[in-house]
Amino acid sequence: MRKAKEIRNLDDGQLEAEVQTLRAQIFKLRTKDSLKQLDKTHEIKLTRRELAVVLTVMNERAAEKTQESAQTEESK
């Protein structure tokens, strides 16, 4: 699992790709778990946490953009 600092260094396109990859990975892990083929069940939890970190970084960036646009409108 990567740290938030490493994830923050990615650009928006890379974050979108990471979200898609992690969601697909969670799907595969859950499928294996339901078929009793998953030995390391903790991987589901770790992957979900990493997805949460990526989504949090994306939401922070969106909030910053919204705040910046509101400030520029106030100055007009």
N, C-alpha and C. Protein backbone atom coordinates (compact mmCIF):
# COMPACT_ATOMS: atom_id res chain seq x y z
N MET A 1 0.84 -1.18 0.00
CA MET A 1 0.00 0.00 0.00
C MET A 1 0.88 1.24 0.00
N ARG A 2 0.55 2.16 -0.89
CA ARG A 2 1.32 3.39 -0.99
C ARG A 2 0.83 4.40 0.02
N LYS A 3 1.70 5.32 0.35
CA LYS A 3 1.36 6.36 1.30
C LYS A 3 0.66 7.50 0.58
N ALA A 4 -0.08 8.30 1.34
CA ALA A 4 -0.82 9.41 0.76
C ALA A 4 0.12 10.40 0.08
N LYS A 5 1.32 10.57 0.62
CA LYS A 5 2.28 11.50 0.03
C LYS A 5 2.63 11.07 -1.39
N GLU A 6 2.79 9.78 -1.60
CA GLU A 6 3.10 9.27 -2.94
C GLU A 6 1.91 9.46 -3.88
N ILE A 7 0.72 9.26 -3.35
CA ILE A 7 -0.49 9.38 -4.17
C ILE A 7 -0.73 10.84 -4.55
N ARG A 8 -0.40 11.76 -3.66
CA ARG A 8 -0.58 13.19 -3.95
C ARG A 8 0.32 13.65 -5.10
N ASN A 9 1.40 12.96 -5.37
CA ASN A 9 2.31 13.33 -6.45
C ASN A 9 1.78 12.95 -7.82
N LEU A 10 0.73 12.15 -7.89
CA LEU A 10 0.15 11.75 -9.17
C LEU A 10 -0.72 12.86 -9.72
N ASP A 11 -0.84 12.93 -11.05
CA ASP A 11 -1.73 13.93 -11.63
C ASP A 11 -3.16 13.37 -11.70
N ASP A 12 -4.09 14.20 -12.13
CA ASP A 12 -5.51 13.82 -12.11
C ASP A 12 -5.80 12.60 -12.98
N GLY A 13 -5.19 12.52 -14.14
CA GLY A 13 -5.41 11.36 -15.03
C GLY A 13 -4.92 10.07 -14.41
N GLN A 14 -3.77 10.15 -13.76
CA GLN A 14 -3.23 8.96 -13.11
C GLN A 14 -4.11 8.54 -11.93
N LEU A 15 -4.69 9.52 -11.24
CA LEU A 15 -5.59 9.19 -10.12
C LEU A 15 -6.84 8.47 -10.62
N GLU A 16 -7.39 8.96 -11.73
CA GLU A 16 -8.57 8.31 -12.32
C GLU A 16 -8.25 6.86 -12.71
N ALA A 17 -7.10 6.66 -13.32
CA ALA A 17 -6.69 5.32 -13.72
C ALA A 17 -6.50 4.43 -12.48
N GLU A 18 -5.95 5.01 -11.44
CA GLU A 18 -5.72 4.26 -10.19
C GLU A 18 -7.05 3.83 -9.57
N VAL A 19 -8.05 4.71 -9.61
CA VAL A 19 -9.37 4.37 -9.08
C VAL A 19 -9.95 3.19 -9.83
N GLN A 20 -9.86 3.22 -11.14
CA GLN A 20 -10.40 2.13 -11.95
C GLN A 20 -9.66 0.82 -11.66
N THR A 21 -8.34 0.90 -11.54
CA THR A 21 -7.54 -0.28 -11.26
C THR A 21 -7.89 -0.87 -9.89
N LEU A 22 -8.00 -0.01 -8.90
CA LEU A 22 -8.29 -0.49 -7.54
C LEU A 22 -9.70 -1.09 -7.45
N ARG A 23 -10.65 -0.46 -8.11
CA ARG A 23 -12.02 -1.01 -8.10
C ARG A 23 -12.07 -2.38 -8.78
N ALA A 24 -11.34 -2.54 -9.87
CA ALA A 24 -11.28 -3.84 -10.54
C ALA A 24 -10.60 -4.87 -9.65
N GLN A 25 -9.55 -4.44 -8.96
CA GLN A 25 -8.84 -5.34 -8.06
C GLN A 25 -9.72 -5.78 -6.90
N ILE A 26 -10.50 -4.86 -6.35
CA ILE A 26 -11.43 -5.20 -5.27
C ILE A 26 -12.45 -6.21 -5.76
N PHE A 27 -12.95 -6.00 -6.98
CA PHE A 27 -13.92 -6.93 -7.55
C PHE A 27 -13.33 -8.34 -7.66
N LYS A 28 -12.11 -8.41 -8.17
CA LYS A 28 -11.45 -9.72 -8.32
C LYS A 28 -11.22 -10.38 -6.97
N LEU A 29 -10.79 -9.59 -5.99
CA LEU A 29 -10.54 -10.15 -4.66
C LEU A 29 -11.83 -10.65 -4.02
N ARG A 30 -12.89 -9.88 -4.17
CA ARG A 30 -14.17 -10.30 -3.58
C ARG A 30 -14.71 -11.55 -4.27
N THR A 31 -14.50 -11.65 -5.59
CA THR A 31 -14.93 -12.83 -6.32
C THR A 31 -14.16 -14.05 -5.84
N LYS A 32 -12.84 -13.91 -5.71
CA LYS A 32 -12.03 -15.03 -5.21
C LYS A 32 -12.44 -15.42 -3.80
N ASP A 33 -12.75 -14.42 -2.99
CA ASP A 33 -13.15 -14.68 -1.61
C ASP A 33 -14.47 -15.46 -1.55
N SER A 34 -15.40 -15.11 -2.42
CA SER A 34 -16.68 -15.80 -2.41
C SER A 34 -16.55 -17.24 -2.91
N LEU A 35 -15.53 -17.48 -3.73
CA LEU A 35 -15.28 -18.84 -4.22
C LEU A 35 -14.32 -19.62 -3.32
N LYS A 36 -13.96 -19.00 -2.20
CA LYS A 36 -13.05 -19.61 -1.22
C LYS A 36 -11.67 -19.90 -1.82
N GLN A 37 -11.23 -19.04 -2.74
CA GLN A 37 -9.92 -19.20 -3.36
C GLN A 37 -8.92 -18.15 -2.88
N LEU A 38 -9.35 -17.27 -1.99
CA LEU A 38 -8.49 -16.19 -1.52
C LEU A 38 -7.86 -16.59 -0.20
N ASP A 39 -6.54 -16.66 -0.19
CA ASP A 39 -5.83 -17.04 1.02
C ASP A 39 -5.60 -15.85 1.95
N LYS A 40 -5.28 -14.70 1.38
CA LYS A 40 -4.96 -13.51 2.16
C LYS A 40 -6.15 -12.56 2.13
N THR A 41 -7.11 -12.78 3.00
CA THR A 41 -8.33 -11.98 2.98
C THR A 41 -8.08 -10.54 3.39
N HIS A 42 -6.98 -10.27 4.04
CA HIS A 42 -6.68 -8.90 4.45
C HIS A 42 -6.39 -7.99 3.26
N GLU A 43 -6.11 -8.58 2.11
CA GLU A 43 -5.83 -7.79 0.91
C GLU A 43 -7.04 -6.96 0.50
N ILE A 44 -8.23 -7.46 0.77
CA ILE A 44 -9.45 -6.71 0.45
C ILE A 44 -9.46 -5.41 1.25
N LYS A 45 -9.19 -5.52 2.52
CA LYS A 45 -9.20 -4.35 3.39
C LYS A 45 -8.13 -3.34 2.98
N LEU A 46 -6.94 -3.82 2.68
CA LEU A 46 -5.85 -2.93 2.29
C LEU A 46 -6.17 -2.21 0.98
N THR A 47 -6.76 -2.92 0.04
CA THR A 47 -7.09 -2.34 -1.24
C THR A 47 -8.20 -1.30 -1.09
N ARG A 48 -9.17 -1.59 -0.25
CA ARG A 48 -10.24 -0.62 0.01
C ARG A 48 -9.69 0.64 0.66
N ARG A 49 -8.74 0.48 1.55
CA ARG A 49 -8.12 1.66 2.19
C ARG A 49 -7.36 2.50 1.18
N GLU A 50 -6.62 1.83 0.31
CA GLU A 50 -5.87 2.58 -0.70
C GLU A 50 -6.82 3.33 -1.63
N LEU A 51 -7.93 2.70 -1.99
CA LEU A 51 -8.95 3.36 -2.81
C LEU A 51 -9.50 4.58 -2.08
N ALA A 52 -9.73 4.45 -0.80
CA ALA A 52 -10.24 5.57 -0.01
C ALA A 52 -9.25 6.73 0.00
N VAL A 53 -7.97 6.43 0.09
CA VAL A 53 -6.95 7.49 0.09
C VAL A 53 -6.94 8.20 -1.26
N VAL A 54 -7.01 7.45 -2.34
CA VAL A 54 -7.01 8.04 -3.68
C VAL A 54 -8.24 8.93 -3.86
N LEU A 55 -9.40 8.44 -3.44
CA LEU A 55 -10.62 9.24 -3.58
C LEU A 55 -10.57 10.49 -2.70
N THR A 56 -9.96 10.38 -1.54
CA THR A 56 -9.82 11.54 -0.66
C THR A 56 -8.94 12.61 -1.30
N VAL A 57 -7.85 12.20 -1.90
CA VAL A 57 -6.96 13.14 -2.57
C VAL A 57 -7.70 13.82 -3.73
N MET A 58 -8.48 13.06 -4.47
CA MET A 58 -9.24 13.63 -5.57
C MET A 58 -10.27 14.64 -5.06
N ASN A 59 -10.94 14.31 -3.97
CA ASN A 59 -11.93 15.23 -3.40
C ASN A 59 -11.27 16.48 -2.84
N GLU A 60 -10.09 16.36 -2.27
CA GLU A 60 -9.37 17.53 -1.77
C GLU A 60 -9.02 18.46 -2.92
N ARG A 61 -8.57 17.89 -4.03
CA ARG A 61 -8.22 18.72 -5.19
C ARG A 61 -9.45 19.40 -5.76
N ALA A 62 -10.57 18.70 -5.80
CA ALA A 62 -11.80 19.30 -6.31
C ALA A 62 -12.25 20.44 -5.39
N ALA A 63 -12.11 20.26 -4.09
CA ALA A 63 -12.49 21.32 -3.15
C ALA A 63 -11.58 22.53 -3.30
N GLU A 64 -10.30 22.30 -3.53
CA GLU A 64 -9.36 23.41 -3.74
C GLU A 64 -9.73 24.19 -4.99
N LYS A 65 -10.07 23.48 -6.05
CA LYS A 65 -10.45 24.16 -7.30
C LYS A 65 -11.72 24.97 -7.10
N THR A 66 -12.67 24.43 -6.37
CA THR A 66 -13.91 25.15 -6.11
C THR A 66 -13.64 26.39 -5.27
N GLN A 67 -12.80 26.25 -4.29
CA GLN A 67 -12.47 27.38 -3.43
C GLN A 67 -11.72 28.46 -4.21
N GLU A 68 -10.82 28.06 -5.07
CA GLU A 68 -10.07 29.03 -5.89
C GLU A 68 -11.00 29.78 -6.84
N SER A 69 -11.94 29.07 -7.44
CA SER A 69 -12.86 29.73 -8.36
C SER A 69 -13.78 30.68 -7.61
N ALA A 70 -14.17 30.33 -6.39
CA ALA A 70 -15.00 31.22 -5.59
C ALA A 70 -14.23 32.48 -5.21
N GLN A 71 -12.96 32.35 -4.92
CA GLN A 71 -12.13 33.50 -4.56
C GLN A 71 -11.92 34.42 -5.74
N THR A 72 -11.77 33.87 -6.93
CA THR A 72 -11.57 34.71 -8.10
C THR A 72 -12.86 35.45 -8.45
N GLU A 73 -14.00 34.85 -8.21
CA GLU A 73 -15.28 35.52 -8.45
C GLU A 73 -15.50 36.64 -7.45
N GLU A 74 -15.05 36.47 -6.22
CA GLU A 74 -15.20 37.52 -5.21
C GLU A 74 -14.36 38.74 -5.55
N SER A 75 -13.20 38.51 -6.13
CA SER A 75 -12.29 39.62 -6.43
C SER A 75 -12.74 40.42 -7.65
N LYS A 76 -13.68 39.90 -8.40
CA LYS A 76 -14.17 40.62 -9.61
C LYS A 76 -15.11 41.70 -9.25
